[in-house]
Amino acid sequence: MLNKTMLATLALGAAVVFAGPALADKMKATLDGKSQVPPNASAGTGTADIDYDPASKKLSWKVTYSGLSGPATMAHFHGPAEAGKNAGVAVPIPNAATSPVEGSATLTDAQAADLMAGKYYVNIHTAANPGGEIRGQVTK
């Protein structure tokens, strides 16, 4: 009887361990005009709260911003680039015309490696600043 109880307890413990939730990496970006390349004098600010699940390669975000020179026309994750450098669009952020904007995407292996290496930034574009009005590097 004792052995059956111990086996049942061990089996239950193993099931809980293996069925537990995947742990996402929490990341953040703080966006402003002085982080743009080249910098600008925008009064706009923003934050991006980012979750990345390495098991599924799912990137999820909530981007909040205010004070832009006009409506946001586009928003993206750009990379690979470190702070102070520019790069092309890596992951679009659709429906960014209003704040907050939430979404998710599945990354490729190369995109996941760049994200984890700190080589992604979030950029919000406006008509007055088509190259980007506010920007922030994604950090853990």
C-alpha atoms as a PDB file:
ATOM      1  CA  MET A   1       0.000   0.000   0.000  1.00  0.00           C
ATOM      2  CA  LEU A   2       2.809   2.384   0.879  1.00  0.00           C
ATOM      3  CA  ASN A   3       4.528   1.766  -2.470  1.00  0.00           C
ATOM      4  CA  LYS A   4       1.325   2.488  -4.425  1.00  0.00           C
ATOM      5  CA  THR A   5       0.842   5.756  -2.514  1.00  0.00           C
ATOM      6  CA  MET A   6       4.439   6.786  -3.116  1.00  0.00           C
ATOM      7  CA  LEU A   7       4.208   5.933  -6.822  1.00  0.00           C
ATOM      8  CA  ALA A   8       0.950   7.856  -7.163  1.00  0.00           C
ATOM      9  CA  THR A   9       2.474  10.881  -5.425  1.00  0.00           C
ATOM     10  CA  LEU A  10       5.566  10.750  -7.627  1.00  0.00           C
ATOM     11  CA  ALA A  11       3.456  10.394 -10.774  1.00  0.00           C
ATOM     12  CA  LEU A  12       1.305  13.364  -9.789  1.00  0.00           C
ATOM     13  CA  GLY A  13       4.395  15.448  -9.000  1.00  0.00           C
ATOM     14  CA  ALA A  14       5.959  14.598 -12.360  1.00  0.00           C
ATOM     15  CA  ALA A  15       2.726  15.480 -14.179  1.00  0.00           C
ATOM     16  CA  VAL A  16       2.617  18.887 -12.489  1.00  0.00           C
ATOM     17  CA  VAL A  17       6.266  19.596 -13.296  1.00  0.00           C
ATOM     18  CA  PHE A  18       5.975  18.613 -16.964  1.00  0.00           C
ATOM     19  CA  ALA A  19       2.566  20.221 -17.504  1.00  0.00           C
ATOM     20  CA  GLY A  20       3.487  23.498 -15.801  1.00  0.00           C
ATOM     21  CA  PRO A  21       3.179  26.745 -17.706  1.00  0.00           C
ATOM     22  CA  ALA A  22       5.964  27.789 -20.048  1.00  0.00           C
ATOM     23  CA  LEU A  23       7.971  30.664 -18.648  1.00  0.00           C
ATOM     24  CA  ALA A  24       8.101  33.679 -20.911  1.00  0.00           C
ATOM     25  CA  ASP A  25      11.019  36.072 -20.894  1.00  0.00           C
ATOM     26  CA  LYS A  26       9.844  39.543 -19.827  1.00  0.00           C
ATOM     27  CA  MET A  27      11.305  42.424 -21.790  1.00  0.00           C
ATOM     28  CA  LYS A  28      10.687  46.131 -22.072  1.00  0.00           C
ATOM     29  CA  ALA A  29      11.426  49.132 -24.265  1.00  0.00           C
ATOM     30  CA  THR A  30      11.172  52.783 -23.242  1.00  0.00           C
ATOM     31  CA  LEU A  31      10.474  54.940 -26.291  1.00  0.00           C
ATOM     32  CA  ASP A  32      11.387  58.591 -26.878  1.00  0.00           C
ATOM     33  CA  GLY A  33      12.611  60.933 -29.595  1.00  0.00           C
ATOM     34  CA  LYS A  34      16.176  61.185 -28.338  1.00  0.00           C
ATOM     35  CA  SER A  35      16.610  57.440 -28.941  1.00  0.00           C
ATOM     36  CA  GLN A  36      15.801  57.882 -32.637  1.00  0.00           C
ATOM     37  CA  VAL A  37      18.687  57.811 -35.115  1.00  0.00           C
ATOM     38  CA  PRO A  38      19.107  60.679 -35.737  1.00  0.00           C
ATOM     39  CA  PRO A  39      17.502  62.016 -32.517  1.00  0.00           C
ATOM     40  CA  ASN A  40      14.542  64.379 -32.691  1.00  0.00           C
ATOM     41  CA  ALA A  41      12.850  66.798 -30.281  1.00  0.00           C
ATOM     42  CA  SER A  42       9.527  64.919 -30.092  1.00  0.00           C
ATOM     43  CA  ALA A  43       7.604  65.266 -26.838  1.00  0.00           C
ATOM     44  CA  GLY A  44       6.253  61.766 -27.473  1.00  0.00           C
ATOM     45  CA  THR A  45       6.979  58.929 -25.086  1.00  0.00           C
ATOM     46  CA  GLY A  46       6.012  55.302 -24.859  1.00  0.00           C
ATOM     47  CA  THR A  47       6.636  51.904 -23.372  1.00  0.00           C
ATOM     48  CA  ALA A  48       6.535  48.413 -24.796  1.00  0.00           C
ATOM     49  CA  ASP A  49       5.887  45.526 -22.428  1.00  0.00           C
ATOM     50  CA  ILE A  50       7.076  42.396 -24.187  1.00  0.00           C
ATOM     51  CA  ASP A  51       6.804  38.679 -23.455  1.00  0.00           C
ATOM     52  CA  TYR A  52       8.779  36.083 -25.380  1.00  0.00           C
ATOM     53  CA  ASP A  53       8.180  32.343 -25.050  1.00  0.00           C
ATOM     54  CA  PRO A  54      11.331  30.533 -26.248  1.00  0.00           C
ATOM     55  CA  ALA A  55       9.526  27.181 -26.521  1.00  0.00           C
ATOM     56  CA  SER A  56       6.961  28.397 -29.062  1.00  0.00           C
ATOM     57  CA  LYS A  57       8.990  31.431 -30.289  1.00  0.00           C
ATOM     58  CA  LYS A  58       5.882  33.556 -29.641  1.00  0.00           C
ATOM     59  CA  LEU A  59       6.543  37.272 -29.190  1.00  0.00           C
ATOM     60  CA  SER A  60       3.690  39.209 -27.532  1.00  0.00           C
ATOM     61  CA  TRP A  61       3.526  42.929 -26.866  1.00  0.00           C
ATOM     62  CA  LYS A  62       1.559  45.816 -25.443  1.00  0.00           C
ATOM     63  CA  VAL A  63       2.795  49.193 -26.674  1.00  0.00           C
ATOM     64  CA  THR A  64       1.489  52.366 -25.033  1.00  0.00           C
ATOM     65  CA  TYR A  65       2.395  55.847 -26.235  1.00  0.00           C
ATOM     66  CA  SER A  66       1.340  59.490 -25.996  1.00  0.00           C
ATOM     67  CA  GLY A  67       2.389  63.004 -26.993  1.00  0.00           C
ATOM     68  CA  LEU A  68       3.243  62.267 -30.624  1.00  0.00           C
ATOM     69  CA  SER A  69       3.265  65.053 -33.221  1.00  0.00           C
ATOM     70  CA  GLY A  70       0.237  63.401 -34.846  1.00  0.00           C
ATOM     71  CA  PRO A  71      -1.386  60.004 -35.246  1.00  0.00           C
ATOM     72  CA  ALA A  72       0.905  57.003 -35.427  1.00  0.00           C
ATOM     73  CA  THR A  73       1.113  55.826 -39.028  1.00  0.00           C
ATOM     74  CA  MET A  74       3.135  52.642 -38.439  1.00  0.00           C
ATOM     75  CA  ALA A  75       4.952  50.753 -35.717  1.00  0.00           C
ATOM     76  CA  HIS A  76       7.487  47.936 -35.927  1.00  0.00           C
ATOM     77  CA  PHE A  77      10.135  45.896 -34.218  1.00  0.00           C
ATOM     78  CA  HIS A  78      13.344  46.648 -36.131  1.00  0.00           C
ATOM     79  CA  GLY A  79      16.571  44.687 -36.120  1.00  0.00           C
ATOM     80  CA  PRO A  80      19.158  43.454 -35.895  1.00  0.00           C
ATOM     81  CA  ALA A  81      20.727  46.635 -34.516  1.00  0.00           C
ATOM     82  CA  GLU A  82      22.113  47.844 -31.243  1.00  0.00           C
ATOM     83  CA  ALA A  83      21.148  51.239 -29.788  1.00  0.00           C
ATOM     84  CA  GLY A  84      22.370  54.073 -32.012  1.00  0.00           C
ATOM     85  CA  LYS A  85      22.125  52.019 -35.221  1.00  0.00           C
ATOM     86  CA  ASN A  86      19.259  51.601 -37.675  1.00  0.00           C
ATOM     87  CA  ALA A  87      17.904  48.381 -39.172  1.00  0.00           C
ATOM     88  CA  GLY A  88      15.022  47.228 -41.310  1.00  0.00           C
ATOM     89  CA  VAL A  89      11.612  46.071 -40.162  1.00  0.00           C
ATOM     90  CA  ALA A  90      11.764  42.666 -38.476  1.00  0.00           C
ATOM     91  CA  VAL A  91       8.199  42.347 -37.133  1.00  0.00           C
ATOM     92  CA  PRO A  92       5.313  44.683 -37.992  1.00  0.00           C
ATOM     93  CA  ILE A  93       3.056  45.952 -35.196  1.00  0.00           C
ATOM     94  CA  PRO A  94      -0.353  46.220 -36.882  1.00  0.00           C
ATOM     95  CA  ASN A  95      -3.170  48.573 -35.841  1.00  0.00           C
ATOM     96  CA  ALA A  96      -0.815  51.030 -34.158  1.00  0.00           C
ATOM     97  CA  ALA A  97      -2.936  54.124 -34.888  1.00  0.00           C
ATOM     98  CA  THR A  98      -4.325  54.121 -31.349  1.00  0.00           C
ATOM     99  CA  SER A  99      -2.644  53.473 -28.011  1.00  0.00           C
ATOM    100  CA  PRO A 100      -2.372  50.963 -26.501  1.00  0.00           C
ATOM    101  CA  VAL A 101      -1.689  48.413 -29.229  1.00  0.00           C
ATOM    102  CA  GLU A 102      -1.378  44.713 -28.453  1.00  0.00           C
ATOM    103  CA  GLY A 103      -0.381  41.803 -30.621  1.00  0.00           C
ATOM    104  CA  SER A 104       1.822  38.803 -31.150  1.00  0.00           C
ATOM    105  CA  ALA A 105       3.914  37.069 -33.787  1.00  0.00           C
ATOM    106  CA  THR A 106       5.930  33.881 -34.107  1.00  0.00           C
ATOM    107  CA  LEU A 107       9.636  34.527 -34.667  1.00  0.00           C
ATOM    108  CA  THR A 108      12.076  32.626 -36.847  1.00  0.00           C
ATOM    109  CA  ASP A 109      15.192  31.140 -35.235  1.00  0.00           C
ATOM    110  CA  ALA A 110      17.284  34.073 -36.509  1.00  0.00           C
ATOM    111  CA  GLN A 111      14.782  36.652 -35.222  1.00  0.00           C
ATOM    112  CA  ALA A 112      14.645  34.922 -31.835  1.00  0.00           C
ATOM    113  CA  ALA A 113      18.459  34.982 -31.588  1.00  0.00           C
ATOM    114  CA  ASP A 114      18.554  38.714 -32.428  1.00  0.00           C
ATOM    115  CA  LEU A 115      15.801  39.496 -29.899  1.00  0.00           C
ATOM    116  CA  MET A 116      17.568  37.586 -27.122  1.00  0.00           C
ATOM    117  CA  ALA A 117      20.870  39.293 -28.012  1.00  0.00           C
ATOM    118  CA  GLY A 118      19.298  42.740 -27.441  1.00  0.00           C
ATOM    119  CA  LYS A 119      19.337  43.659 -31.133  1.00  0.00           C
ATOM    120  CA  TYR A 120      15.682  44.672 -31.540  1.00  0.00           C
ATOM    121  CA  TYR A 121      14.083  48.061 -31.062  1.00  0.00           C
ATOM    122  CA  VAL A 122      10.507  49.325 -31.212  1.00  0.00           C
ATOM    123  CA  ASN A 123       9.827  52.300 -33.464  1.00  0.00           C
ATOM    124  CA  ILE A 124       6.630  54.347 -33.870  1.00  0.00           C
ATOM    125  CA  HIS A 125       6.309  56.416 -37.048  1.00  0.00           C
ATOM    126  CA  THR A 126       4.195  59.525 -37.754  1.00  0.00           C
ATOM    127  CA  ALA A 127       3.551  61.673 -40.834  1.00  0.00           C
ATOM    128  CA  ALA A 128       5.900  64.355 -39.446  1.00  0.00           C
ATOM    129  CA  ASN A 129       8.559  61.728 -38.674  1.00  0.00           C
ATOM    130  CA  PRO A 130       8.230  59.017 -41.345  1.00  0.00           C
ATOM    131  CA  GLY A 131      11.560  57.452 -40.336  1.00  0.00           C
ATOM    132  CA  GLY A 132      10.307  57.149 -36.763  1.00  0.00           C
ATOM    133  CA  GLU A 133       9.244  59.598 -34.066  1.00  0.00           C
ATOM    134  CA  ILE A 134       9.944  57.582 -30.940  1.00  0.00           C
ATOM    135  CA  ARG A 135      12.137  54.548 -30.422  1.00  0.00           C
ATOM    136  CA  GLY A 136      13.293  52.260 -27.648  1.00  0.00           C
ATOM    137  CA  GLN A 137      15.728  49.353 -27.483  1.00  0.00           C
ATOM    138  CA  VAL A 138      14.254  46.064 -26.243  1.00  0.00           C
ATOM    139  CA  THR A 139      15.961  44.954 -23.035  1.00  0.00           C
ATOM    140  CA  LYS A 140      15.478  42.107 -20.569  1.00  0.00           C
END
